[in-house]
PDB file of N, CA and C in Angstrom:
ATOM      1  N   MET A   1     134.738  37.235 122.982  1.00  0.00           N
ATOM      2  CA  MET A   1     136.056  36.660 123.167  1.00  0.00           C
ATOM      3  C   MET A   1     136.266  36.208 124.610  1.00  0.00           C
ATOM      4  N   ASN A   2     135.560  36.809 125.532  1.00  0.00           N
ATOM      5  CA  ASN A   2     135.710  36.427 126.930  1.00  0.00           C
ATOM      6  C   ASN A   2     134.660  35.424 127.382  1.00  0.00           C
ATOM      7  N   ASP A   3     133.813  34.961 126.441  1.00  0.00           N
ATOM      8  CA  ASP A   3     132.853  33.913 126.775  1.00  0.00           C
ATOM      9  C   ASP A   3     133.612  32.659 127.184  1.00  0.00           C
ATOM     10  N   ARG A   4     133.093  31.972 128.158  1.00  0.00           N
ATOM     11  CA  ARG A   4     133.643  30.688 128.590  1.00  0.00           C
ATOM     12  C   ARG A   4     133.162  29.614 127.626  1.00  0.00           C
ATOM     13  N   ILE A   5     133.998  28.614 127.392  1.00  0.00           N
ATOM     14  CA  ILE A   5     133.581  27.581 126.435  1.00  0.00           C
ATOM     15  C   ILE A   5     132.438  26.741 126.979  1.00  0.00           C
ATOM     16  N   SER A   6     132.204  26.801 128.270  1.00  0.00           N
ATOM     17  CA  SER A   6     131.060  26.089 128.837  1.00  0.00           C
ATOM     18  C   SER A   6     129.732  26.622 128.287  1.00  0.00           C
ATOM     19  N   LYS A   7     129.735  27.834 127.746  1.00  0.00           N
ATOM     20  CA  LYS A   7     128.541  28.395 127.112  1.00  0.00           C
ATOM     21  C   LYS A   7     128.141  27.547 125.908  1.00  0.00           C
ATOM     22  N   TYR A   8     129.123  27.003 125.202  1.00  0.00           N
ATOM     23  CA  TYR A   8     128.893  26.224 123.987  1.00  0.00           C
ATOM     24  C   TYR A   8     129.010  24.717 124.234  1.00  0.00           C
ATOM     25  N   PHE A   9     129.805  24.338 125.221  1.00  0.00           N
ATOM     26  CA  PHE A   9     130.041  22.939 125.562  1.00  0.00           C
ATOM     27  C   PHE A   9     129.848  22.791 127.076  1.00  0.00           C
ATOM     28  N   PRO A  10     128.600  22.753 127.532  1.00  0.00           N
ATOM     29  CA  PRO A  10     128.310  22.772 128.972  1.00  0.00           C
ATOM     30  C   PRO A  10     128.993  21.673 129.781  1.00  0.00           C
ATOM     31  N   SER A  11     129.235  20.532 129.174  1.00  0.00           N
ATOM     32  CA  SER A  11     129.838  19.435 129.942  1.00  0.00           C
ATOM     33  C   SER A  11     131.355  19.329 129.758  1.00  0.00           C
ATOM     34  N   TYR A  12     131.953  20.301 129.041  1.00  0.00           N
ATOM     35  CA  TYR A  12     133.406  20.223 128.825  1.00  0.00           C
ATOM     36  C   TYR A  12     134.128  20.398 130.164  1.00  0.00           C
ATOM     37  N   PRO A  13     135.024  19.475 130.506  1.00  0.00           N
ATOM     38  CA  PRO A  13     135.737  19.583 131.782  1.00  0.00           C
ATOM     39  C   PRO A  13     136.488  20.913 131.911  1.00  0.00           C
ATOM     40  N   LYS A  14     136.272  21.586 132.998  1.00  0.00           N
ATOM     41  CA  LYS A  14     136.891  22.890 133.299  1.00  0.00           C
ATOM     42  C   LYS A  14     136.525  23.963 132.276  1.00  0.00           C
ATOM     43  N   GLY A  15     135.420  23.749 131.560  1.00  0.00           N
ATOM     44  CA  GLY A  15     134.972  24.708 130.551  1.00  0.00           C
ATOM     45  C   GLY A  15     134.651  26.082 131.113  1.00  0.00           C
ATOM     46  N   ASP A  16     134.349  26.154 132.399  1.00  0.00           N
ATOM     47  CA  ASP A  16     134.090  27.461 133.025  1.00  0.00           C
ATOM     48  C   ASP A  16     135.369  28.277 133.218  1.00  0.00           C
ATOM     49  N   SER A  17     136.524  27.633 133.072  1.00  0.00           N
ATOM     50  CA  SER A  17     137.786  28.350 133.283  1.00  0.00           C
ATOM     51  C   SER A  17     138.530  28.637 131.979  1.00  0.00           C
ATOM     52  N   ILE A  18     137.927  28.273 130.837  1.00  0.00           N
ATOM     53  CA  ILE A  18     138.579  28.447 129.533  1.00  0.00           C
ATOM     54  C   ILE A  18     137.738  29.388 128.676  1.00  0.00           C
ATOM     55  N   THR A  19     138.380  30.404 128.095  1.00  0.00           N
ATOM     56  CA  THR A  19     137.666  31.376 127.268  1.00  0.00           C
ATOM     57  C   THR A  19     137.954  31.166 125.781  1.00  0.00           C
ATOM     58  N   ILE A  20     137.112  31.763 124.955  1.00  0.00           N
ATOM     59  CA  ILE A  20     137.348  31.756 123.512  1.00  0.00           C
ATOM     60  C   ILE A  20     138.683  32.426 123.205  1.00  0.00           C
ATOM     61  N   ARG A  21     138.991  33.498 123.888  1.00  0.00           N
ATOM     62  CA  ARG A  21     140.277  34.184 123.693  1.00  0.00           C
ATOM     63  C   ARG A  21     141.443  33.225 123.934  1.00  0.00           C
ATOM     64  N   GLN A  22     141.328  32.391 124.958  1.00  0.00           N
ATOM     65  CA  GLN A  22     142.397  31.436 125.248  1.00  0.00           C
ATOM     66  C   GLN A  22     142.503  30.363 124.170  1.00  0.00           C
ATOM     67  N   LEU A  23     141.378  29.975 123.591  1.00  0.00           N
ATOM     68  CA  LEU A  23     141.433  29.045 122.456  1.00  0.00           C
ATOM     69  C   LEU A  23     142.202  29.683 121.304  1.00  0.00           C
ATOM     70  N   LEU A  24     141.877  30.928 120.998  1.00  0.00           N
ATOM     71  CA  LEU A  24     142.515  31.641 119.883  1.00  0.00           C
ATOM     72  C   LEU A  24     144.009  31.861 120.093  1.00  0.00           C
ATOM     73  N   SER A  25     144.404  32.091 121.325  1.00  0.00           N
ATOM     74  CA  SER A  25     145.809  32.406 121.620  1.00  0.00           C
ATOM     75  C   SER A  25     146.601  31.187 122.100  1.00  0.00           C
ATOM     76  N   HIS A  26     145.988  30.018 122.072  1.00  0.00           N
ATOM     77  CA  HIS A  26     146.635  28.769 122.490  1.00  0.00           C
ATOM     78  C   HIS A  26     147.128  28.834 123.933  1.00  0.00           C
ATOM     79  N   THR A  27     146.351  29.508 124.758  1.00  0.00           N
ATOM     80  CA  THR A  27     146.673  29.596 126.184  1.00  0.00           C
ATOM     81  C   THR A  27     145.622  28.878 127.032  1.00  0.00           C
ATOM     82  N   SER A  28     144.877  27.963 126.407  1.00  0.00           N
ATOM     83  CA  SER A  28     143.808  27.240 127.106  1.00  0.00           C
ATOM     84  C   SER A  28     144.333  26.082 127.945  1.00  0.00           C
ATOM     85  N   GLY A  29     145.451  25.504 127.538  1.00  0.00           N
ATOM     86  CA  GLY A  29     145.976  24.322 128.201  1.00  0.00           C
ATOM     87  C   GLY A  29     145.363  23.026 127.696  1.00  0.00           C
ATOM     88  N   ILE A  30     144.454  23.117 126.726  1.00  0.00           N
ATOM     89  CA  ILE A  30     143.781  21.925 126.203  1.00  0.00           C
ATOM     90  C   ILE A  30     144.773  21.073 125.400  1.00  0.00           C
ATOM     91  N   TYR A  31     144.729  19.777 125.667  1.00  0.00           N
ATOM     92  CA  TYR A  31     145.573  18.794 124.984  1.00  0.00           C
ATOM     93  C   TYR A  31     145.376  18.865 123.469  1.00  0.00           C
ATOM     94  N   ASN A  32     146.475  18.798 122.731  1.00  0.00           N
ATOM     95  CA  ASN A  32     146.452  18.817 121.274  1.00  0.00           C
ATOM     96  C   ASN A  32     146.244  17.382 120.766  1.00  0.00           C
ATOM     97  N   TYR A  33     145.061  17.105 120.226  1.00  0.00           N
ATOM     98  CA  TYR A  33     144.740  15.730 119.822  1.00  0.00           C
ATOM     99  C   TYR A  33     145.688  15.183 118.773  1.00  0.00           C
ATOM    100  N   THR A  34     146.361  16.014 117.986  1.00  0.00           N
ATOM    101  CA  THR A  34     147.280  15.506 116.967  1.00  0.00           C
ATOM    102  C   THR A  34     148.592  15.006 117.574  1.00  0.00           C
ATOM    103  N   GLU A  35     148.767  15.172 118.874  1.00  0.00           N
ATOM    104  CA  GLU A  35     149.934  14.601 119.555  1.00  0.00           C
ATOM    105  C   GLU A  35     149.727  13.128 119.885  1.00  0.00           C
ATOM    106  N   ASN A  36     148.537  12.621 119.678  1.00  0.00           N
ATOM    107  CA  ASN A  36     148.231  11.224 119.927  1.00  0.00           C
ATOM    108  C   ASN A  36     148.592  10.429 118.670  1.00  0.00           C
ATOM    109  N   GLY A  37     149.793   9.843 118.664  1.00  0.00           N
ATOM    110  CA  GLY A  37     150.297   9.132 117.494  1.00  0.00           C
ATOM    111  C   GLY A  37     149.418   7.993 117.043  1.00  0.00           C
ATOM    112  N   GLN A  38     148.881   7.249 117.984  1.00  0.00           N
ATOM    113  CA  GLN A  38     148.010   6.124 117.633  1.00  0.00           C
ATOM    114  C   GLN A  38     146.748   6.621 116.930  1.00  0.00           C
ATOM    115  N   TRP A  39     146.137   7.682 117.460  1.00  0.00           N
ATOM    116  CA  TRP A  39     144.937   8.229 116.835  1.00  0.00           C
ATOM    117  C   TRP A  39     145.266   8.755 115.440  1.00  0.00           C
ATOM    118  N   MET A  40     146.410   9.427 115.308  1.00  0.00           N
ATOM    119  CA  MET A  40     146.785   9.991 114.008  1.00  0.00           C
ATOM    120  C   MET A  40     147.049   8.894 112.977  1.00  0.00           C
ATOM    121  N   GLN A  41     147.538   7.758 113.411  1.00  0.00           N
ATOM    122  CA  GLN A  41     147.803   6.660 112.471  1.00  0.00           C
ATOM    123  C   GLN A  41     146.548   5.870 112.125  1.00  0.00           C
ATOM    124  N   GLN A  42     145.650   5.734 113.084  1.00  0.00           N
ATOM    125  CA  GLN A  42     144.521   4.836 112.878  1.00  0.00           C
ATOM    126  C   GLN A  42     143.181   5.525 112.637  1.00  0.00           C
ATOM    127  N   GLU A  43     143.006   6.750 113.109  1.00  0.00           N
ATOM    128  CA  GLU A  43     141.688   7.377 113.084  1.00  0.00           C
ATOM    129  C   GLU A  43     141.591   8.661 112.254  1.00  0.00           C
ATOM    130  N   VAL A  44     142.717   9.269 111.954  1.00  0.00           N
ATOM    131  CA  VAL A  44     142.689  10.610 111.364  1.00  0.00           C
ATOM    132  C   VAL A  44     141.907  10.672 110.048  1.00  0.00           C
ATOM    133  N   THR A  45     141.883   9.608 109.291  1.00  0.00           N
ATOM    134  CA  THR A  45     141.183   9.638 108.001  1.00  0.00           C
ATOM    135  C   THR A  45     139.735   9.172 108.090  1.00  0.00           C
ATOM    136  N   THR A  46     139.311   8.763 109.289  1.00  0.00           N
ATOM    137  CA  THR A  46     137.937   8.317 109.495  1.00  0.00           C
ATOM    138  C   THR A  46     137.063   9.494 109.918  1.00  0.00           C
ATOM    139  N   PRO A  47     135.938   9.709 109.259  1.00  0.00           N
ATOM    140  CA  PRO A  47     135.056  10.800 109.683  1.00  0.00           C
ATOM    141  C   PRO A  47     134.539  10.574 111.104  1.00  0.00           C
ATOM    142  N   HIS A  48     134.520  11.633 111.896  1.00  0.00           N
ATOM    143  CA  HIS A  48     134.014  11.587 113.269  1.00  0.00           C
ATOM    144  C   HIS A  48     133.010  12.711 113.459  1.00  0.00           C
ATOM    145  N   ASN A  49     131.962  12.442 114.203  1.00  0.00           N
ATOM    146  CA  ASN A  49     131.019  13.511 114.507  1.00  0.00           C
ATOM    147  C   ASN A  49     131.587  14.389 115.628  1.00  0.00           C
ATOM    148  N   ARG A  50     130.896  15.443 115.933  1.00  0.00           N
ATOM    149  CA  ARG A  50     131.347  16.418 116.928  1.00  0.00           C
ATOM    150  C   ARG A  50     131.656  15.766 118.278  1.00  0.00           C
ATOM    151  N   ALA A  51     130.741  14.959 118.768  1.00  0.00           N
ATOM    152  CA  ALA A  51     130.924  14.328 120.084  1.00  0.00           C
ATOM    153  C   ALA A  51     132.157  13.428 120.102  1.00  0.00           C
ATOM    154  N   ALA A  52     132.346  12.664 119.033  1.00  0.00           N
ATOM    155  CA  ALA A  52     133.500  11.770 118.959  1.00  0.00           C
ATOM    156  C   ALA A  52     134.809  12.549 118.885  1.00  0.00           C
ATOM    157  N   MET A  53     134.814  13.633 118.132  1.00  0.00           N
ATOM    158  CA  MET A  53     136.036  14.442 118.036  1.00  0.00           C
ATOM    159  C   MET A  53     136.394  15.064 119.382  1.00  0.00           C
ATOM    160  N   ILE A  54     135.413  15.644 120.026  1.00  0.00           N
ATOM    161  CA  ILE A  54     135.670  16.276 121.325  1.00  0.00           C
ATOM    162  C   ILE A  54     136.136  15.226 122.333  1.00  0.00           C
ATOM    163  N   ALA A  55     135.603  14.021 122.232  1.00  0.00           N
ATOM    164  CA  ALA A  55     135.989  12.943 123.144  1.00  0.00           C
ATOM    165  C   ALA A  55     137.454  12.539 122.986  1.00  0.00           C
ATOM    166  N   THR A  56     138.058  12.831 121.827  1.00  0.00           N
ATOM    167  CA  THR A  56     139.463  12.456 121.627  1.00  0.00           C
ATOM    168  C   THR A  56     140.416  13.272 122.493  1.00  0.00           C
ATOM    169  N   PHE A  57     139.949  14.417 123.006  1.00  0.00           N
ATOM    170  CA  PHE A  57     140.850  15.228 123.826  1.00  0.00           C
ATOM    171  C   PHE A  57     140.242  15.747 125.125  1.00  0.00           C
ATOM    172  N   SER A  58     138.933  15.723 125.265  1.00  0.00           N
ATOM    173  CA  SER A  58     138.319  16.324 126.455  1.00  0.00           C
ATOM    174  C   SER A  58     138.623  15.562 127.745  1.00  0.00           C
ATOM    175  N   ASP A  59     138.960  14.292 127.631  1.00  0.00           N
ATOM    176  CA  ASP A  59     139.257  13.515 128.834  1.00  0.00           C
ATOM    177  C   ASP A  59     140.720  13.614 129.263  1.00  0.00           C
ATOM    178  N   LYS A  60     141.525  14.302 128.467  1.00  0.00           N
ATOM    179  CA  LYS A  60     142.938  14.484 128.811  1.00  0.00           C
ATOM    180  C   LYS A  60     143.069  15.652 129.791  1.00  0.00           C
ATOM    181  N   PRO A  61     144.006  15.551 130.726  1.00  0.00           N
ATOM    182  CA  PRO A  61     144.195  16.676 131.655  1.00  0.00           C
ATOM    183  C   PRO A  61     144.729  17.903 130.913  1.00  0.00           C
ATOM    184  N   LEU A  62     144.411  19.079 131.428  1.00  0.00           N
ATOM    185  CA  LEU A  62     144.968  20.300 130.856  1.00  0.00           C
ATOM    186  C   LEU A  62     146.483  20.274 131.017  1.00  0.00           C
ATOM    187  N   LYS A  63     147.199  20.793 130.040  1.00  0.00           N
ATOM    188  CA  LYS A  63     148.658  20.841 130.111  1.00  0.00           C
ATOM    189  C   LYS A  63     149.129  21.863 131.146  1.00  0.00           C
ATOM    190  N   PHE A  64     148.295  22.880 131.369  1.00  0.00           N
ATOM    191  CA  PHE A  64     148.578  23.926 132.348  1.00  0.00           C
ATOM    192  C   PHE A  64     147.281  24.644 132.647  1.00  0.00           C
ATOM    193  N   SER A  65     147.274  25.424 133.689  1.00  0.00           N
ATOM    194  CA  SER A  65     146.078  26.201 134.022  1.00  0.00           C
ATOM    195  C   SER A  65     145.832  27.227 132.928  1.00  0.00           C
ATOM    196  N   PRO A  66     144.584  27.352 132.467  1.00  0.00           N
ATOM    197  CA  PRO A  66     144.277  28.296 131.394  1.00  0.00           C
ATOM    198  C   PRO A  66     144.806  29.699 131.685  1.00  0.00           C
ATOM    199  N   GLY A  67     145.470  30.264 130.669  1.00  0.00           N
ATOM    200  CA  GLY A  67     145.986  31.620 130.765  1.00  0.00           C
ATOM    201  C   GLY A  67     147.366  31.745 131.377  1.00  0.00           C
ATOM    202  N   THR A  68     147.979  30.622 131.786  1.00  0.00           N
ATOM    203  CA  THR A  68     149.284  30.709 132.458  1.00  0.00           C
ATOM    204  C   THR A  68     150.457  30.363 131.557  1.00  0.00           C
ATOM    205  N   ASP A  69     150.204  29.808 130.389  1.00  0.00           N
ATOM    206  CA  ASP A  69     151.275  29.391 129.485  1.00  0.00           C
ATOM    207  C   ASP A  69     150.699  29.345 128.079  1.00  0.00           C
ATOM    208  N   MET A  70     151.525  28.954 127.118  1.00  0.00           N
ATOM    209  CA  MET A  70     151.071  28.851 125.733  1.00  0.00           C
ATOM    210  C   MET A  70     151.587  27.552 125.128  1.00  0.00           C
ATOM    211  N   SER A  71     150.711  26.861 124.399  1.00  0.00           N
ATOM    212  CA  SER A  71     151.094  25.648 123.681  1.00  0.00           C
ATOM    213  C   SER A  71     150.102  25.449 122.541  1.00  0.00           C
ATOM    214  N   TYR A  72     150.615  25.345 121.315  1.00  0.00           N
ATOM    215  CA  TYR A  72     149.751  25.187 120.149  1.00  0.00           C
ATOM    216  C   TYR A  72     148.870  23.957 120.324  1.00  0.00           C
ATOM    217  N   SER A  73     147.607  24.083 119.963  1.00  0.00           N
ATOM    218  CA  SER A  73     146.677  22.964 120.082  1.00  0.00           C
ATOM    219  C   SER A  73     145.654  22.988 118.960  1.00  0.00           C
ATOM    220  N   ASN A  74     145.690  21.961 118.127  1.00  0.00           N
ATOM    221  CA  ASN A  74     144.675  21.820 117.088  1.00  0.00           C
ATOM    222  C   ASN A  74     143.290  21.630 117.695  1.00  0.00           C
ATOM    223  N   SER A  75     143.241  21.098 118.897  1.00  0.00           N
ATOM    224  CA  SER A  75     141.966  20.917 119.589  1.00  0.00           C
ATOM    225  C   SER A  75     141.279  22.261 119.803  1.00  0.00           C
ATOM    226  N   ASN A  76     142.066  23.304 120.068  1.00  0.00           N
ATOM    227  CA  ASN A  76     141.498  24.643 120.217  1.00  0.00           C
ATOM    228  C   ASN A  76     140.740  25.043 118.960  1.00  0.00           C
ATOM    229  N   TYR A  77     141.358  24.827 117.804  1.00  0.00           N
ATOM    230  CA  TYR A  77     140.722  25.215 116.551  1.00  0.00           C
ATOM    231  C   TYR A  77     139.520  24.331 116.237  1.00  0.00           C
ATOM    232  N   MET A  78     139.565  23.083 116.666  1.00  0.00           N
ATOM    233  CA  MET A  78     138.400  22.208 116.495  1.00  0.00           C
ATOM    234  C   MET A  78     137.214  22.808 117.261  1.00  0.00           C
ATOM    235  N   LEU A  79     137.451  23.183 118.516  1.00  0.00           N
ATOM    236  CA  LEU A  79     136.380  23.781 119.317  1.00  0.00           C
ATOM    237  C   LEU A  79     135.913  25.104 118.721  1.00  0.00           C
ATOM    238  N   LEU A  80     136.845  25.918 118.247  1.00  0.00           N
ATOM    239  CA  LEU A  80     136.467  27.196 117.629  1.00  0.00           C
ATOM    240  C   LEU A  80     135.597  26.979 116.392  1.00  0.00           C
ATOM    241  N   GLY A  81     135.915  25.969 115.597  1.00  0.00           N
ATOM    242  CA  GLY A  81     135.093  25.655 114.427  1.00  0.00           C
ATOM    243  C   GLY A  81     133.672  25.278 114.824  1.00  0.00           C
ATOM    244  N   TYR A  82     133.538  24.503 115.885  1.00  0.00           N
ATOM    245  CA  TYR A  82     132.207  24.129 116.361  1.00  0.00           C
ATOM    246  C   TYR A  82     131.453  25.345 116.906  1.00  0.00           C
ATOM    247  N   ILE A  83     132.163  26.250 117.547  1.00  0.00           N
ATOM    248  CA  ILE A  83     131.521  27.477 118.031  1.00  0.00           C
ATOM    249  C   ILE A  83     131.029  28.308 116.852  1.00  0.00           C
ATOM    250  N   ILE A  84     131.837  28.409 115.806  1.00  0.00           N
ATOM    251  CA  ILE A  84     131.429  29.136 114.596  1.00  0.00           C
ATOM    252  C   ILE A  84     130.146  28.532 114.031  1.00  0.00           C
ATOM    253  N   GLU A  85     130.081  27.203 113.969  1.00  0.00           N
ATOM    254  CA  GLU A  85     128.874  26.541 113.467  1.00  0.00           C
ATOM    255  C   GLU A  85     127.660  26.874 114.337  1.00  0.00           C
ATOM    256  N   ASP A  86     127.847  26.858 115.643  1.00  0.00           N
ATOM    257  CA  ASP A  86     126.731  27.150 116.549  1.00  0.00           C
ATOM    258  C   ASP A  86     126.237  28.586 116.392  1.00  0.00           C
ATOM    259  N   VAL A  87     127.160  29.523 116.306  1.00  0.00           N
ATOM    260  CA  VAL A  87     126.797  30.940 116.230  1.00  0.00           C
ATOM    261  C   VAL A  87     126.161  31.280 114.886  1.00  0.00           C
ATOM    262  N   THR A  88     126.728  30.773 113.799  1.00  0.00           N
ATOM    263  CA  THR A  88     126.243  31.119 112.461  1.00  0.00           C
ATOM    264  C   THR A  88     125.102  30.223 111.986  1.00  0.00           C
ATOM    265  N   LYS A  89     124.923  29.092 112.679  1.00  0.00           N
ATOM    266  CA  LYS A  89     123.917  28.100 112.267  1.00  0.00           C
ATOM    267  C   LYS A  89     124.212  27.563 110.855  1.00  0.00           C
ATOM    268  N   MET A  90     125.504  27.538 110.516  1.00  0.00           N
ATOM    269  CA  MET A  90     125.967  27.033 109.213  1.00  0.00           C
ATOM    270  C   MET A  90     127.116  26.062 109.428  1.00  0.00           C
ATOM    271  N   PRO A  91     127.290  25.100 108.532  1.00  0.00           N
ATOM    272  CA  PRO A  91     128.452  24.210 108.665  1.00  0.00           C
ATOM    273  C   PRO A  91     129.728  24.978 108.372  1.00  0.00           C
ATOM    274  N   TYR A  92     130.754  24.704 109.144  1.00  0.00           N
ATOM    275  CA  TYR A  92     132.047  25.354 108.941  1.00  0.00           C
ATOM    276  C   TYR A  92     132.722  24.806 107.691  1.00  0.00           C
ATOM    277  N   TYR A  93     132.650  23.494 107.518  1.00  0.00           N
ATOM    278  CA  TYR A  93     133.281  22.837 106.372  1.00  0.00           C
ATOM    279  C   TYR A  93     132.249  22.576 105.299  1.00  0.00           C
ATOM    280  N   ARG A  94     132.533  23.046 104.118  1.00  0.00           N
ATOM    281  CA  ARG A  94     131.610  22.812 102.999  1.00  0.00           C
ATOM    282  C   ARG A  94     132.256  21.972 101.921  1.00  0.00           C
ATOM    283  N   GLY A  95     133.509  21.642 102.070  1.00  0.00           N
ATOM    284  CA  GLY A  95     134.195  20.814 101.073  1.00  0.00           C
ATOM    285  C   GLY A  95     134.610  21.626  99.870  1.00  0.00           C
ATOM    286  N   CYS A  96     135.261  20.969  98.950  1.00  0.00           N
ATOM    287  CA  CYS A  96     135.745  21.626  97.733  1.00  0.00           C
ATOM    288  C   CYS A  96     134.745  21.431  96.608  1.00  0.00           C
ATOM    289  N   SER A  97     134.621  22.433  95.793  1.00  0.00           N
ATOM    290  CA  SER A  97     133.696  22.349  94.664  1.00  0.00           C
ATOM    291  C   SER A  97     134.422  21.888  93.422  1.00  0.00           C
TER     292      SER A  97
END
């Protein structure tokens, strides 16, 4: 829980200052990609690979310094899903049967 996200995303901006715990508790300061109205209207239904998804929010400035405030962020859960895939070596999403 105290691992830095840079362990999983070495090039993530300020990844050395953001922990998995902060992703889980929405105290990371990472921009919530669903707040981008244009992206939600034009891109949300288009499949994106990991790099493209991370690119939708990684270039945005942090809303606050990690651990100093709280703000819900779907981007946090996106990163957590990718971490789950890396750790388990399994896809997080398997679709509906």
